[in-house]
C-alpha atoms as a PDB file:
ATOM      1  CA  MET A   1      22.765   0.030 -34.460  1.00  0.00           C
ATOM      2  CA  LYS A   2      25.839  -1.673 -35.766  1.00  0.00           C
ATOM      3  CA  ARG A   3      26.591   1.484 -37.638  1.00  0.00           C
ATOM      4  CA  TYR A   4      26.180   3.484 -34.576  1.00  0.00           C
ATOM      5  CA  LEU A   5      28.302   1.422 -32.902  1.00  0.00           C
ATOM      6  CA  GLU A   6      31.012   1.661 -35.761  1.00  0.00           C
ATOM      7  CA  HIS A   7      30.763   5.382 -35.526  1.00  0.00           C
ATOM      8  CA  MET A   8      31.544   5.379 -31.878  1.00  0.00           C
ATOM      9  CA  HIS A   9      34.216   3.421 -32.100  1.00  0.00           C
ATOM     10  CA  THR A  10      35.933   6.026 -33.989  1.00  0.00           C
ATOM     11  CA  LYS A  11      35.574   8.703 -31.526  1.00  0.00           C
ATOM     12  CA  PRO A  12      38.332   9.326 -28.723  1.00  0.00           C
ATOM     13  CA  THR A  13      37.962   7.652 -25.722  1.00  0.00           C
ATOM     14  CA  HIS A  14      36.886  10.389 -23.399  1.00  0.00           C
ATOM     15  CA  GLU A  15      33.925  11.252 -25.779  1.00  0.00           C
ATOM     16  CA  ARG A  16      32.739   7.654 -25.520  1.00  0.00           C
ATOM     17  CA  ARG A  17      32.888   7.876 -21.865  1.00  0.00           C
ATOM     18  CA  ARG A  18      30.996  11.098 -21.776  1.00  0.00           C
ATOM     19  CA  HIS A  19      28.390   9.763 -24.052  1.00  0.00           C
ATOM     20  CA  ALA A  20      28.143   6.548 -21.899  1.00  0.00           C
ATOM     21  CA  MET A  21      27.733   8.587 -19.259  1.00  0.00           C
ATOM     22  CA  LYS A  22      24.754  10.758 -20.565  1.00  0.00           C
ATOM     23  CA  VAL A  23      22.886   7.665 -21.640  1.00  0.00           C
ATOM     24  CA  ALA A  24      23.434   5.792 -18.267  1.00  0.00           C
ATOM     25  CA  GLY A  25      22.120   9.107 -16.637  1.00  0.00           C
ATOM     26  CA  ILE A  26      19.309   9.699 -18.653  1.00  0.00           C
ATOM     27  CA  LEU A  27      18.372   5.719 -18.087  1.00  0.00           C
ATOM     28  CA  THR A  28      18.727   6.230 -14.336  1.00  0.00           C
ATOM     29  CA  ALA A  29      16.386   9.321 -14.498  1.00  0.00           C
ATOM     30  CA  LEU A  30      13.609   7.540 -16.249  1.00  0.00           C
ATOM     31  CA  VAL A  31      13.720   4.590 -13.662  1.00  0.00           C
ATOM     32  CA  PHE A  32      13.709   7.108 -10.889  1.00  0.00           C
ATOM     33  CA  VAL A  33      10.777   8.976 -12.392  1.00  0.00           C
ATOM     34  CA  GLY A  34       9.086   5.650 -12.577  1.00  0.00           C
ATOM     35  CA  TRP A  35       9.628   4.492  -9.083  1.00  0.00           C
ATOM     36  CA  ILE A  36       8.464   8.117  -7.921  1.00  0.00           C
ATOM     37  CA  THR A  37       5.427   7.822 -10.188  1.00  0.00           C
ATOM     38  CA  THR A  38       4.520   4.301  -8.605  1.00  0.00           C
ATOM     39  CA  LEU A  39       5.643   5.129  -5.285  1.00  0.00           C
ATOM     40  CA  GLY A  40       2.698   7.546  -4.747  1.00  0.00           C
ATOM     41  CA  VAL A  41       0.240   4.672  -5.635  1.00  0.00           C
ATOM     42  CA  GLN A  42       1.755   2.417  -3.385  1.00  0.00           C
ATOM     43  CA  LEU A  43       1.415   4.714  -0.318  1.00  0.00           C
ATOM     44  CA  GLY A  44      -2.109   5.826  -1.409  1.00  0.00           C
ATOM     45  CA  THR A  45      -3.483   2.500  -1.463  1.00  0.00           C
ATOM     46  CA  PRO A  46      -4.951   1.039   1.979  1.00  0.00           C
ATOM     47  CA  SER A  47      -3.050  -1.611   3.330  1.00  0.00           C
ATOM     48  CA  THR A  48      -4.576  -4.624   5.100  1.00  0.00           C
ATOM     49  CA  SER A  49      -3.719  -6.182   8.485  1.00  0.00           C
ATOM     50  CA  SER A  50      -0.417  -7.951   7.087  1.00  0.00           C
ATOM     51  CA  GLY A  51       0.511  -4.556   5.213  1.00  0.00           C
ATOM     52  CA  GLN A  52      -0.170  -6.540   1.911  1.00  0.00           C
ATOM     53  CA  ALA A  53      -2.151  -4.046  -0.335  1.00  0.00           C
ATOM     54  CA  GLY A  54      -4.734  -6.657  -2.175  1.00  0.00           C
ATOM     55  CA  VAL A  55      -2.121  -9.459  -2.871  1.00  0.00           C
ATOM     56  CA  ALA A  56      -3.963 -12.276  -4.697  1.00  0.00           C
ATOM     57  CA  GLY A  57      -3.630 -15.668  -3.105  1.00  0.00           C
ATOM     58  CA  THR A  58      -2.369 -14.987   0.253  1.00  0.00           C
ATOM     59  CA  ASP A  59      -3.791 -16.590   3.279  1.00  0.00           C
ATOM     60  CA  ASN A  60      -4.504 -14.191   5.938  1.00  0.00           C
ATOM     61  CA  SER A  61      -6.905 -16.446   8.161  1.00  0.00           C
ATOM     62  CA  SER A  62      -4.769 -16.270  10.940  1.00  0.00           C
ATOM     63  CA  GLN A  63      -4.095 -12.747  10.720  1.00  0.00           C
ATOM     64  CA  THR A  64      -7.568 -12.112  10.606  1.00  0.00           C
ATOM     65  CA  ALA A  65      -8.343 -13.856  13.486  1.00  0.00           C
ATOM     66  CA  THR A  66      -5.789 -11.992  15.584  1.00  0.00           C
ATOM     67  CA  VAL A  67      -7.164  -8.667  14.412  1.00  0.00           C
ATOM     68  CA  LEU A  68     -10.737  -9.985  15.442  1.00  0.00           C
ATOM     69  CA  ASN A  69      -9.527 -11.179  18.746  1.00  0.00           C
ATOM     70  CA  MET A  70      -8.074  -7.844  19.251  1.00  0.00           C
ATOM     71  CA  GLN A  71     -10.899  -5.886  18.441  1.00  0.00           C
ATOM     72  CA  THR A  72     -13.177  -7.763  20.926  1.00  0.00           C
ATOM     73  CA  ASP A  73     -10.539  -7.839  23.730  1.00  0.00           C
ATOM     74  CA  ASN A  74     -10.332  -4.286  24.621  1.00  0.00           C
ATOM     75  CA  GLN A  75      -8.720  -4.574  28.442  1.00  0.00           C
ATOM     76  CA  GLY A  76      -6.128  -1.889  27.791  1.00  0.00           C
ATOM     77  CA  ASN A  77      -2.958  -1.599  26.070  1.00  0.00           C
ATOM     78  CA  GLN A  78      -1.466  -4.173  23.903  1.00  0.00           C
ATOM     79  CA  LEU A  79       1.657  -4.512  21.719  1.00  0.00           C
ATOM     80  CA  ILE A  80       1.158  -5.494  18.434  1.00  0.00           C
ATOM     81  CA  VAL A  81       3.662  -7.281  16.444  1.00  0.00           C
ATOM     82  CA  ALA A  82       3.651  -6.844  12.526  1.00  0.00           C
ATOM     83  CA  SER A  83       5.278  -9.957  10.475  1.00  0.00           C
ATOM     84  CA  SER A  84       7.245  -9.273   7.709  1.00  0.00           C
ATOM     85  CA  THR A  85       7.422 -12.855   6.422  1.00  0.00           C
ATOM     86  CA  GLY A  86       4.180 -11.900   4.417  1.00  0.00           C
ATOM     87  CA  TYR A  87       5.975 -11.128   1.243  1.00  0.00           C
END
């Protein structure tokens, strides 16, 4: 690696920048492909009432009680507010 860096120091500035842009582009593309790959898995998993897909150690007792109350209390239209603090 040290030899490679010494070799790159002998190159002109514009070639070093072009090489750095190529490396950054390849790394960004790899991260993007990994994100897209896992996004399909995240969208395909069924979510729980809190929007968390099987997160271990979460306490959903109050949210479960709310869902059960909503299922037994069918008296017309209801407003359901989702909590975003479950992360």
